[in-house]
Amino acid sequence: MKPEYKIVAATVVLSAVVATAAVVMMKLPRWRQRAKEQHQESVLQGMTPDKAIALCGHPVLDETQASQPTATRRLVIRND
């Protein structure tokens, strides 16, 4: 292979690597945000009122609404 072709090949490979790195760097914040949201959703799916009280203390307001097909419990916890 001629030296000129080696330089051209190296330039093409380097350009591809730089372009790939740029795409990854632009999408990285979105990936992090999506992973964080998925983690928070999984934590909330496993949260029960008893766990919330155990973690945060006794609520200032604890009301249950049974008018819906499923009972909904609302806890208001003051953070001092």
C-alpha atoms as a PDB file:
ATOM      1  CA  MET A   1       0.000   0.000   0.000  1.00  0.00           C
ATOM      2  CA  LYS A   2       1.314   3.416  -0.940  1.00  0.00           C
ATOM      3  CA  PRO A   3       2.003   5.911   1.852  1.00  0.00           C
ATOM      4  CA  GLU A   4      -0.596   8.319   0.390  1.00  0.00           C
ATOM      5  CA  TYR A   5      -3.299   5.667   0.705  1.00  0.00           C
ATOM      6  CA  LYS A   6      -2.246   4.932   4.258  1.00  0.00           C
ATOM      7  CA  ILE A   7      -2.652   8.601   5.154  1.00  0.00           C
ATOM      8  CA  VAL A   8      -6.081   8.719   3.477  1.00  0.00           C
ATOM      9  CA  ALA A   9      -7.181   5.515   5.248  1.00  0.00           C
ATOM     10  CA  ALA A  10      -5.938   6.805   8.594  1.00  0.00           C
ATOM     11  CA  THR A  11      -7.805  10.093   8.038  1.00  0.00           C
ATOM     12  CA  VAL A  12     -11.038   8.272   7.198  1.00  0.00           C
ATOM     13  CA  VAL A  13     -10.756   6.017  10.265  1.00  0.00           C
ATOM     14  CA  LEU A  14      -9.922   8.957  12.532  1.00  0.00           C
ATOM     15  CA  SER A  15     -12.869  10.944  11.143  1.00  0.00           C
ATOM     16  CA  ALA A  16     -15.207   8.036  11.824  1.00  0.00           C
ATOM     17  CA  VAL A  17     -13.924   7.721  15.392  1.00  0.00           C
ATOM     18  CA  VAL A  18     -14.334  11.458  16.019  1.00  0.00           C
ATOM     19  CA  ALA A  19     -17.860  11.453  14.555  1.00  0.00           C
ATOM     20  CA  THR A  20     -18.850   8.467  16.701  1.00  0.00           C
ATOM     21  CA  ALA A  21     -17.413  10.105  19.805  1.00  0.00           C
ATOM     22  CA  ALA A  22     -19.333  13.304  19.045  1.00  0.00           C
ATOM     23  CA  VAL A  23     -22.618  11.417  18.692  1.00  0.00           C
ATOM     24  CA  VAL A  24     -22.022   9.552  21.952  1.00  0.00           C
ATOM     25  CA  MET A  25     -21.183  12.768  23.798  1.00  0.00           C
ATOM     26  CA  MET A  26     -24.335  14.470  22.504  1.00  0.00           C
ATOM     27  CA  LYS A  27     -26.585  11.572  23.536  1.00  0.00           C
ATOM     28  CA  LEU A  28     -24.933  10.840  26.886  1.00  0.00           C
ATOM     29  CA  PRO A  29     -27.002  13.352  28.948  1.00  0.00           C
ATOM     30  CA  ARG A  30     -30.228  11.946  27.500  1.00  0.00           C
ATOM     31  CA  TRP A  31     -29.143   8.395  28.348  1.00  0.00           C
ATOM     32  CA  ARG A  32     -28.284   9.412  31.908  1.00  0.00           C
ATOM     33  CA  GLN A  33     -31.601  11.216  32.349  1.00  0.00           C
ATOM     34  CA  ARG A  34     -33.556   8.230  31.026  1.00  0.00           C
ATOM     35  CA  ALA A  35     -31.685   5.826  33.323  1.00  0.00           C
ATOM     36  CA  LYS A  36     -32.318   8.100  36.310  1.00  0.00           C
ATOM     37  CA  GLU A  37     -36.040   8.354  35.532  1.00  0.00           C
ATOM     38  CA  GLN A  38     -36.341   4.581  35.119  1.00  0.00           C
ATOM     39  CA  HIS A  39     -34.622   4.046  38.473  1.00  0.00           C
ATOM     40  CA  GLN A  40     -36.923   6.541  40.186  1.00  0.00           C
ATOM     41  CA  GLU A  41     -39.990   4.904  38.652  1.00  0.00           C
ATOM     42  CA  SER A  42     -38.875   1.460  39.818  1.00  0.00           C
ATOM     43  CA  VAL A  43     -38.334   2.787  43.346  1.00  0.00           C
ATOM     44  CA  LEU A  44     -41.786   4.395  43.353  1.00  0.00           C
ATOM     45  CA  GLN A  45     -43.421   1.200  42.071  1.00  0.00           C
ATOM     46  CA  GLY A  46     -42.116  -0.640  45.135  1.00  0.00           C
ATOM     47  CA  MET A  47     -42.994   2.131  47.598  1.00  0.00           C
ATOM     48  CA  THR A  48     -45.813   1.458  50.022  1.00  0.00           C
ATOM     49  CA  PRO A  49     -47.286   3.864  52.572  1.00  0.00           C
ATOM     50  CA  ASP A  50     -45.708   1.828  55.374  1.00  0.00           C
ATOM     51  CA  LYS A  51     -42.270   2.093  53.753  1.00  0.00           C
ATOM     52  CA  ALA A  52     -42.722   5.848  53.262  1.00  0.00           C
ATOM     53  CA  ILE A  53     -43.618   6.293  56.933  1.00  0.00           C
ATOM     54  CA  ALA A  54     -40.657   4.160  58.001  1.00  0.00           C
ATOM     55  CA  LEU A  55     -38.259   6.180  55.830  1.00  0.00           C
ATOM     56  CA  CYS A  56     -39.630   9.692  56.358  1.00  0.00           C
ATOM     57  CA  GLY A  57     -41.378   9.677  59.718  1.00  0.00           C
ATOM     58  CA  HIS A  58     -44.986  10.250  60.648  1.00  0.00           C
ATOM     59  CA  PRO A  59     -47.047  12.234  58.144  1.00  0.00           C
ATOM     60  CA  VAL A  60     -48.688  15.556  58.903  1.00  0.00           C
ATOM     61  CA  LEU A  61     -51.715  14.488  56.857  1.00  0.00           C
ATOM     62  CA  ASP A  62     -52.852  10.927  56.189  1.00  0.00           C
ATOM     63  CA  GLU A  63     -56.093  10.549  54.261  1.00  0.00           C
ATOM     64  CA  THR A  64     -57.633   7.659  52.365  1.00  0.00           C
ATOM     65  CA  GLN A  65     -60.017   8.117  49.444  1.00  0.00           C
ATOM     66  CA  ALA A  66     -62.209   5.085  48.830  1.00  0.00           C
ATOM     67  CA  SER A  67     -64.497   6.627  46.198  1.00  0.00           C
ATOM     68  CA  GLN A  68     -62.481   5.140  43.347  1.00  0.00           C
ATOM     69  CA  PRO A  69     -62.403   1.431  42.462  1.00  0.00           C
ATOM     70  CA  THR A  70     -59.089   1.218  44.295  1.00  0.00           C
ATOM     71  CA  ALA A  71     -58.399   2.985  47.544  1.00  0.00           C
ATOM     72  CA  THR A  72     -55.961   5.881  47.275  1.00  0.00           C
ATOM     73  CA  ARG A  73     -53.912   6.960  50.266  1.00  0.00           C
ATOM     74  CA  ARG A  74     -52.398  10.445  50.407  1.00  0.00           C
ATOM     75  CA  LEU A  75     -49.543  11.173  52.787  1.00  0.00           C
ATOM     76  CA  VAL A  76     -48.165  14.648  53.418  1.00  0.00           C
ATOM     77  CA  ILE A  77     -44.826  14.536  55.187  1.00  0.00           C
ATOM     78  CA  ARG A  78     -43.150  17.650  56.477  1.00  0.00           C
ATOM     79  CA  ASN A  79     -39.423  17.810  55.989  1.00  0.00           C
ATOM     80  CA  ASP A  80     -37.797  19.745  58.836  1.00  0.00           C
END
